[in-house]
Amino acid sequence: MDSIRVLNYNAVMRKLPLRKQTAAGILLASGFLIQGLAAAELKITATIFPLYEFASVVAGDRAEVHLLLPPGADIHVWRPKPGDLLNLSKSDLLVSVGRDLEPWVRDLTAGSIAKNLRVFEAARGLPLIRADHDHDDHGHGHDHGHGERYDPHVWLDLDLDVRIVEALARELSALSPADAGVFSSNAETYIRKLRNLDERYVETLASCRQRLLVVAGHAAFGYLARRYGLEQVSLYGLSPDAQATPKKMIEIVEFVRKRGVSAVFTETAVSGALAETLSRETGAKLLFLNPGAALTRSQISQGATFLTLMEDNLRTLADGLDCR
């Protein structure tokens, strides 16, 4: 982008005293102000829904924000299509979680199609959870070099979301310094909502009789568990395409029975065959948590947001963990 942000007609007029608006309107209409007048706003592309919401809220009307991940898609296996590459080529900023959740980002940003694209990595600088190498054999952890892999599902910790939104506001301010005040104000408003919901999580989950979060699938809820004092136990590690071995299934069944676990959880977008088997074998009820990376078309039509998804998750956790 040019160092001077191109303003649209309405934005220019709002900044002028009333007595100067007529003259300015004539100049604008005549095309004598900054070239490219109609192409005013930043263009941002986000990989997953929570980051799309964060970017949309912080940028407000000062940017056009596009979501890469289509409705119902699984971020672990999805790959961009030609149309997505076209959107990226027009973007000023790509908002991603981290390279191992979206391994294709490295290839995109290394090519000429995105030579001027800035990349914001939400996981950068956060206290990450190291992947369980015993279970995670497919390399889906966040790689920080030297073979180390980390859980990339950082958005499920609302306290970390506050830090992501703050960092995103700084990133947008660097791209458009004239709008720094707007970005900061928008971020503060949204952060209050994140903190309020985080406080509800802390208060509600502190009263739970059960502290075990048994996930009949891959270990997607490690950050949520760490933040709110729960212990996540899953059928397999971070890789969503892994398969639970018969031995592991027997171990989990025995564990659930021995510990008196009354509910097991699975992801809303994942096949429930294993979860149903675990529930049937143990007598524990089966409940669904939403990892939030992508919305379904139905959720979109109903106006769901990341915050409402997390509110739903809290109600589900309170039910399954017997919270008073």
Protein backbone atom coordinates (compact mmCIF):
# COMPACT_ATOMS: atom_id res chain seq x y z
CA MET A 1 0.00 0.00 0.00
CA ASP A 2 1.00 3.65 -0.44
CA SER A 3 2.28 5.29 2.74
CA ILE A 4 -0.57 7.80 2.48
CA ARG A 5 -3.85 6.03 3.02
CA VAL A 6 -6.32 6.70 0.21
CA LEU A 7 -9.60 7.97 1.61
CA ASN A 8 -13.02 7.48 0.13
CA TYR A 9 -15.34 10.38 -0.56
CA ASN A 10 -17.43 10.11 2.61
CA ALA A 11 -14.39 9.76 4.86
CA VAL A 12 -12.82 12.91 3.43
CA MET A 13 -16.03 14.92 3.77
CA ARG A 14 -16.56 13.90 7.41
CA LYS A 15 -13.15 15.27 8.36
CA LEU A 16 -13.86 18.77 6.97
CA PRO A 17 -15.73 21.70 8.54
CA LEU A 18 -19.15 22.27 7.01
CA ARG A 19 -18.14 25.50 5.27
CA LYS A 20 -15.39 23.68 3.34
CA GLN A 21 -17.43 20.67 2.27
CA THR A 22 -18.89 22.27 -0.86
CA ALA A 23 -15.51 23.24 -2.27
CA ALA A 24 -14.03 19.92 -1.31
CA GLY A 25 -16.93 18.13 -2.96
CA ILE A 26 -16.22 19.91 -6.23
CA LEU A 27 -12.53 18.97 -6.06
CA LEU A 28 -13.34 15.38 -5.22
CA ALA A 29 -15.85 15.08 -8.00
CA SER A 30 -13.36 16.59 -10.41
CA GLY A 31 -10.73 14.01 -9.49
CA PHE A 32 -8.14 16.47 -8.13
CA LEU A 33 -7.50 14.68 -4.81
CA ILE A 34 -5.44 11.58 -4.11
CA GLN A 35 -5.42 9.14 -6.98
CA GLY A 36 -7.25 5.84 -6.55
CA LEU A 37 -9.92 7.55 -4.46
CA ALA A 38 -12.39 4.66 -4.69
CA ALA A 39 -9.91 2.04 -3.44
CA ALA A 40 -9.64 3.33 0.10
CA GLU A 41 -9.64 0.43 2.53
CA LEU A 42 -7.19 -2.17 3.66
CA LYS A 43 -7.76 -5.68 2.39
CA ILE A 44 -7.30 -8.45 4.95
CA THR A 45 -7.54 -12.22 4.55
CA ALA A 46 -7.97 -14.48 7.61
CA THR A 47 -7.48 -18.24 7.57
CA ILE A 48 -10.03 -19.32 10.23
CA PHE A 49 -13.26 -17.94 11.62
CA PRO A 50 -12.06 -16.65 15.04
CA LEU A 51 -9.27 -14.66 13.37
CA TYR A 52 -11.74 -13.40 10.78
CA GLU A 53 -13.98 -12.13 13.58
CA PHE A 54 -11.06 -10.53 15.41
CA ALA A 55 -9.86 -8.77 12.25
CA SER A 56 -13.37 -7.66 11.25
CA VAL A 57 -14.13 -6.18 14.66
CA VAL A 58 -10.78 -4.42 15.10
CA ALA A 59 -10.69 -3.04 11.55
CA GLY A 60 -14.35 -2.00 11.54
CA ASP A 61 -15.23 -0.04 8.41
CA ARG A 62 -11.56 0.68 7.65
CA ALA A 63 -10.92 -2.67 5.95
CA GLU A 64 -12.44 -5.34 3.79
CA VAL A 65 -11.95 -8.72 5.49
CA HIS A 66 -12.15 -12.05 3.66
CA LEU A 67 -12.33 -15.52 5.24
CA LEU A 68 -10.36 -18.26 3.51
CA LEU A 69 -11.83 -21.32 5.21
CA PRO A 70 -15.24 -22.13 3.67
CA PRO A 71 -18.27 -23.20 5.76
CA GLY A 72 -17.84 -26.57 7.43
CA ALA A 73 -14.25 -27.11 6.21
CA ASP A 74 -11.56 -28.72 8.36
CA ILE A 75 -8.55 -26.40 8.63
CA HIS A 76 -6.22 -29.36 9.19
CA VAL A 77 -6.82 -30.81 5.72
CA TRP A 78 -8.18 -27.89 3.66
CA ARG A 79 -6.02 -26.36 0.95
CA PRO A 80 -6.53 -23.03 -0.91
CA LYS A 81 -7.99 -23.00 -4.41
CA PRO A 82 -7.22 -20.66 -7.34
CA GLY A 83 -9.93 -18.23 -6.26
CA ASP A 84 -8.37 -18.03 -2.82
CA LEU A 85 -5.01 -17.25 -4.36
CA LEU A 86 -6.62 -14.39 -6.28
CA ASN A 87 -8.02 -12.92 -3.05
CA LEU A 88 -4.62 -13.23 -1.42
CA SER A 89 -2.94 -11.44 -4.31
CA LYS A 90 -5.16 -8.43 -3.58
CA SER A 91 -4.66 -8.49 0.20
CA ASP A 92 -2.46 -6.28 2.32
CA LEU A 93 -2.43 -8.63 5.32
CA LEU A 94 -2.88 -12.36 5.92
CA VAL A 95 -4.00 -13.21 9.45
CA SER A 96 -3.08 -16.80 10.32
CA VAL A 97 -2.62 -18.93 13.42
CA GLY A 98 0.78 -20.40 12.65
CA ARG A 99 2.55 -22.33 9.94
CA ASP A 100 1.83 -25.83 11.16
CA LEU A 101 -1.93 -25.35 11.33
CA GLU A 102 -1.84 -23.84 7.82
CA PRO A 103 1.29 -25.40 6.27
CA TRP A 104 0.40 -23.99 2.85
CA VAL A 105 0.97 -20.42 4.09
CA ARG A 106 4.72 -20.77 3.62
CA ASP A 107 4.31 -21.69 -0.04
CA LEU A 108 1.85 -18.86 -0.66
CA THR A 109 3.93 -16.15 0.93
CA ALA A 110 7.13 -17.36 -0.75
CA GLY A 111 5.62 -16.94 -4.23
CA SER A 112 5.33 -13.83 -6.35
CA ILE A 113 1.54 -13.80 -5.94
CA ALA A 114 1.96 -12.44 -2.41
CA LYS A 115 5.24 -10.55 -2.64
CA ASN A 116 3.79 -7.48 -0.88
CA LEU A 117 1.64 -9.46 1.58
CA ARG A 118 2.29 -9.03 5.29
CA VAL A 119 1.61 -12.07 7.49
CA PHE A 120 0.36 -11.86 11.06
CA GLU A 121 0.81 -15.10 13.03
CA ALA A 122 -1.53 -15.20 16.01
CA ALA A 123 0.46 -17.90 17.82
CA ARG A 124 3.73 -16.00 17.68
CA GLY A 125 4.93 -14.97 21.14
CA LEU A 126 2.23 -16.86 23.03
CA PRO A 127 2.90 -19.51 25.72
CA LEU A 128 2.27 -22.58 23.57
CA ILE A 129 1.52 -26.16 24.61
CA ARG A 130 4.08 -28.65 23.39
CA ALA A 131 2.64 -31.47 21.28
CA ASP A 132 2.44 -34.96 22.73
CA HIS A 133 4.92 -36.85 20.58
CA ASP A 134 3.64 -40.19 21.84
CA HIS A 135 0.28 -39.60 20.21
CA ASP A 136 0.85 -36.93 17.61
CA ASP A 137 2.58 -38.85 14.84
CA HIS A 138 1.38 -36.81 11.88
CA GLY A 139 3.15 -33.49 12.39
CA HIS A 140 0.18 -31.23 13.05
CA GLY A 141 1.76 -29.41 15.97
CA HIS A 142 3.11 -25.87 15.62
CA ASP A 143 6.78 -26.14 14.60
CA HIS A 144 9.22 -23.65 16.10
CA GLY A 145 12.27 -25.33 14.67
CA HIS A 146 14.56 -28.10 15.91
CA GLY A 147 11.73 -30.63 15.46
CA GLU A 148 9.60 -29.11 18.24
CA ARG A 149 5.87 -29.13 17.65
CA TYR A 150 3.16 -27.21 19.45
CA ASP A 151 -0.61 -27.30 19.78
CA PRO A 152 -1.95 -24.57 17.42
CA HIS A 153 -5.50 -24.27 18.88
CA VAL A 154 -4.65 -21.07 20.78
CA TRP A 155 -7.99 -19.36 20.10
CA LEU A 156 -9.76 -21.64 22.62
CA ASP A 157 -8.09 -19.77 25.49
CA LEU A 158 -9.98 -16.49 25.86
CA ASP A 159 -7.11 -14.89 27.76
CA LEU A 160 -4.78 -15.60 24.84
CA ASP A 161 -7.43 -14.14 22.51
CA VAL A 162 -7.04 -10.83 24.34
CA ARG A 163 -3.34 -10.84 23.50
CA ILE A 164 -4.05 -11.77 19.88
CA VAL A 165 -6.54 -8.91 19.47
CA GLU A 166 -4.10 -6.44 21.05
CA ALA A 167 -1.32 -7.56 18.71
CA LEU A 168 -3.65 -7.41 15.71
CA ALA A 169 -4.60 -3.83 16.53
CA ARG A 170 -0.90 -2.93 16.56
CA GLU A 171 -0.37 -4.70 13.23
CA LEU A 172 -3.26 -2.83 11.58
CA SER A 173 -2.03 0.44 13.04
CA ALA A 174 1.36 -0.14 11.41
CA LEU A 175 -0.39 -0.65 8.07
CA SER A 176 -2.63 2.38 8.46
CA PRO A 177 -1.28 4.79 11.13
CA ALA A 178 -4.06 7.30 10.45
CA ASP A 179 -6.59 4.79 11.75
CA ALA A 180 -4.64 3.66 14.82
CA GLY A 181 -7.11 5.31 17.18
CA VAL A 182 -10.04 3.52 15.56
CA PHE A 183 -8.30 0.15 15.71
CA SER A 184 -7.34 0.66 19.35
CA SER A 185 -10.87 1.68 20.34
CA ASN A 186 -12.47 -1.22 18.49
CA ALA A 187 -10.01 -3.65 20.06
CA GLU A 188 -10.71 -2.35 23.58
CA THR A 189 -14.46 -2.81 23.11
CA TYR A 190 -14.06 -6.38 21.92
CA ILE A 191 -11.48 -7.20 24.59
CA ARG A 192 -14.00 -6.24 27.28
CA LYS A 193 -16.34 -8.89 25.84
CA LEU A 194 -13.56 -11.47 25.78
CA ARG A 195 -12.62 -10.73 29.38
CA ASN A 196 -16.23 -10.87 30.56
CA LEU A 197 -16.68 -14.29 28.95
CA ASP A 198 -13.32 -15.45 30.31
CA GLU A 199 -14.45 -14.48 33.82
CA ARG A 200 -17.64 -16.51 33.34
CA TYR A 201 -15.54 -19.50 32.27
CA VAL A 202 -13.29 -19.16 35.31
CA GLU A 203 -16.20 -18.78 37.73
CA THR A 204 -18.36 -21.55 36.22
CA LEU A 205 -15.65 -24.17 35.71
CA ALA A 206 -14.13 -23.59 39.16
CA SER A 207 -17.24 -25.19 40.67
CA CYS A 208 -17.22 -28.40 38.61
CA ARG A 209 -17.24 -31.73 40.43
CA GLN A 210 -15.47 -33.37 37.49
CA ARG A 211 -12.12 -31.95 36.30
CA LEU A 212 -11.47 -34.47 33.52
CA LEU A 213 -12.22 -33.34 29.99
CA VAL A 214 -12.43 -36.65 28.11
CA VAL A 215 -12.34 -36.00 24.35
CA ALA A 216 -13.34 -38.87 22.06
CA GLY A 217 -11.19 -37.57 19.24
CA HIS A 218 -8.03 -35.52 18.78
CA ALA A 219 -6.64 -33.27 21.48
CA ALA A 220 -8.11 -29.96 20.30
CA PHE A 221 -9.00 -28.47 23.68
CA GLY A 222 -5.65 -28.31 25.44
CA TYR A 223 -5.59 -24.52 25.77
CA LEU A 224 -9.13 -24.43 27.13
CA ALA A 225 -8.23 -27.14 29.64
CA ARG A 226 -5.01 -25.40 30.72
CA ARG A 227 -6.66 -22.01 31.14
CA TYR A 228 -9.58 -23.28 33.24
CA GLY A 229 -7.89 -25.92 35.38
CA LEU A 230 -9.12 -29.03 33.57
CA GLU A 231 -7.23 -32.15 32.49
CA GLN A 232 -7.72 -33.12 28.86
CA VAL A 233 -7.69 -36.86 28.08
CA SER A 234 -8.12 -37.75 24.41
CA LEU A 235 -8.23 -40.84 22.22
CA TYR A 236 -5.29 -39.54 20.20
CA GLY A 237 -3.04 -36.50 19.88
CA LEU A 238 -3.26 -33.35 17.79
CA SER A 239 -3.68 -35.01 14.40
CA PRO A 240 -7.39 -35.11 13.46
CA ASP A 241 -6.84 -37.83 10.85
CA ALA A 242 -5.21 -40.24 13.31
CA GLN A 243 -6.97 -43.43 14.29
CA ALA A 244 -7.42 -44.67 17.84
CA THR A 245 -5.92 -48.12 18.29
CA PRO A 246 -8.01 -50.86 19.93
CA LYS A 247 -5.54 -50.77 22.83
CA LYS A 248 -6.04 -47.03 23.30
CA MET A 249 -9.80 -47.39 23.15
CA ILE A 250 -9.74 -50.08 25.84
CA GLU A 251 -7.50 -47.89 28.00
CA ILE A 252 -9.86 -44.91 27.70
CA VAL A 253 -12.93 -47.06 28.41
CA GLU A 254 -11.32 -48.42 31.56
CA PHE A 255 -10.14 -44.96 32.56
CA VAL A 256 -13.63 -43.45 32.19
CA ARG A 257 -15.19 -46.25 34.22
CA LYS A 258 -12.56 -46.12 36.95
CA ARG A 259 -12.73 -42.33 37.35
CA GLY A 260 -16.51 -42.18 37.30
CA VAL A 261 -16.62 -39.83 34.31
CA SER A 262 -20.25 -39.04 33.53
CA ALA A 263 -19.78 -37.35 30.13
CA VAL A 264 -17.43 -37.60 27.17
CA PHE A 265 -17.01 -34.89 24.57
CA THR A 266 -16.49 -34.83 20.83
CA GLU A 267 -16.18 -32.12 18.19
CA THR A 268 -19.29 -30.93 16.38
CA ALA A 269 -17.68 -31.33 12.94
CA VAL A 270 -16.14 -34.78 13.47
CA SER A 271 -17.68 -38.18 12.77
CA GLY A 272 -19.13 -39.49 16.03
CA ALA A 273 -18.50 -43.22 15.53
CA LEU A 274 -15.68 -43.46 18.08
CA ALA A 275 -17.42 -41.12 20.47
CA GLU A 276 -20.64 -43.14 20.29
CA THR A 277 -18.70 -46.33 20.96
CA LEU A 278 -16.97 -44.79 23.98
CA SER A 279 -20.27 -43.47 25.30
CA ARG A 280 -22.01 -46.80 24.80
CA GLU A 281 -19.23 -48.82 26.43
CA THR A 282 -18.98 -46.59 29.49
CA GLY A 283 -22.52 -45.33 29.96
CA ALA A 284 -21.25 -41.74 29.88
CA LYS A 285 -23.40 -39.24 28.03
CA LEU A 286 -22.05 -37.81 24.79
CA LEU A 287 -21.78 -34.03 24.44
CA PHE A 288 -20.49 -31.82 21.61
CA LEU A 289 -17.94 -29.02 21.78
CA ASN A 290 -17.27 -26.64 18.91
CA PRO A 291 -13.57 -25.98 18.21
CA GLY A 292 -14.68 -22.81 16.40
CA ALA A 293 -12.30 -22.83 13.44
CA ALA A 294 -15.13 -22.82 10.88
CA LEU A 295 -18.85 -22.19 10.95
CA THR A 296 -21.47 -24.27 9.16
CA ARG A 297 -23.81 -22.60 6.69
CA SER A 298 -26.62 -22.99 9.22
CA GLN A 299 -24.62 -21.20 11.91
CA ILE A 300 -23.80 -18.40 9.49
CA SER A 301 -27.47 -17.94 8.59
CA GLN A 302 -28.34 -17.83 12.31
CA GLY A 303 -25.80 -15.08 12.96
CA ALA A 304 -23.45 -17.10 15.14
CA THR A 305 -20.22 -15.45 16.31
CA PHE A 306 -17.07 -16.77 17.91
CA LEU A 307 -18.30 -15.44 21.25
CA THR A 308 -21.67 -17.20 20.96
CA LEU A 309 -19.90 -20.45 20.04
CA MET A 310 -17.74 -20.14 23.14
CA GLU A 311 -20.83 -19.40 25.24
CA ASP A 312 -22.41 -22.59 23.91
CA ASN A 313 -19.25 -24.50 24.78
CA LEU A 314 -19.37 -23.16 28.33
CA ARG A 315 -22.95 -24.38 28.80
CA THR A 316 -21.96 -27.79 27.42
CA LEU A 317 -18.94 -28.03 29.73
CA ALA A 318 -21.00 -26.99 32.76
CA ASP A 319 -23.48 -29.75 31.94
CA GLY A 320 -20.92 -32.49 31.28
CA LEU A 321 -18.55 -31.66 34.14
CA ASP A 322 -21.32 -31.31 36.72
CA CYS A 323 -20.67 -27.68 37.58
CA ARG A 324 -22.73 -26.22 40.39
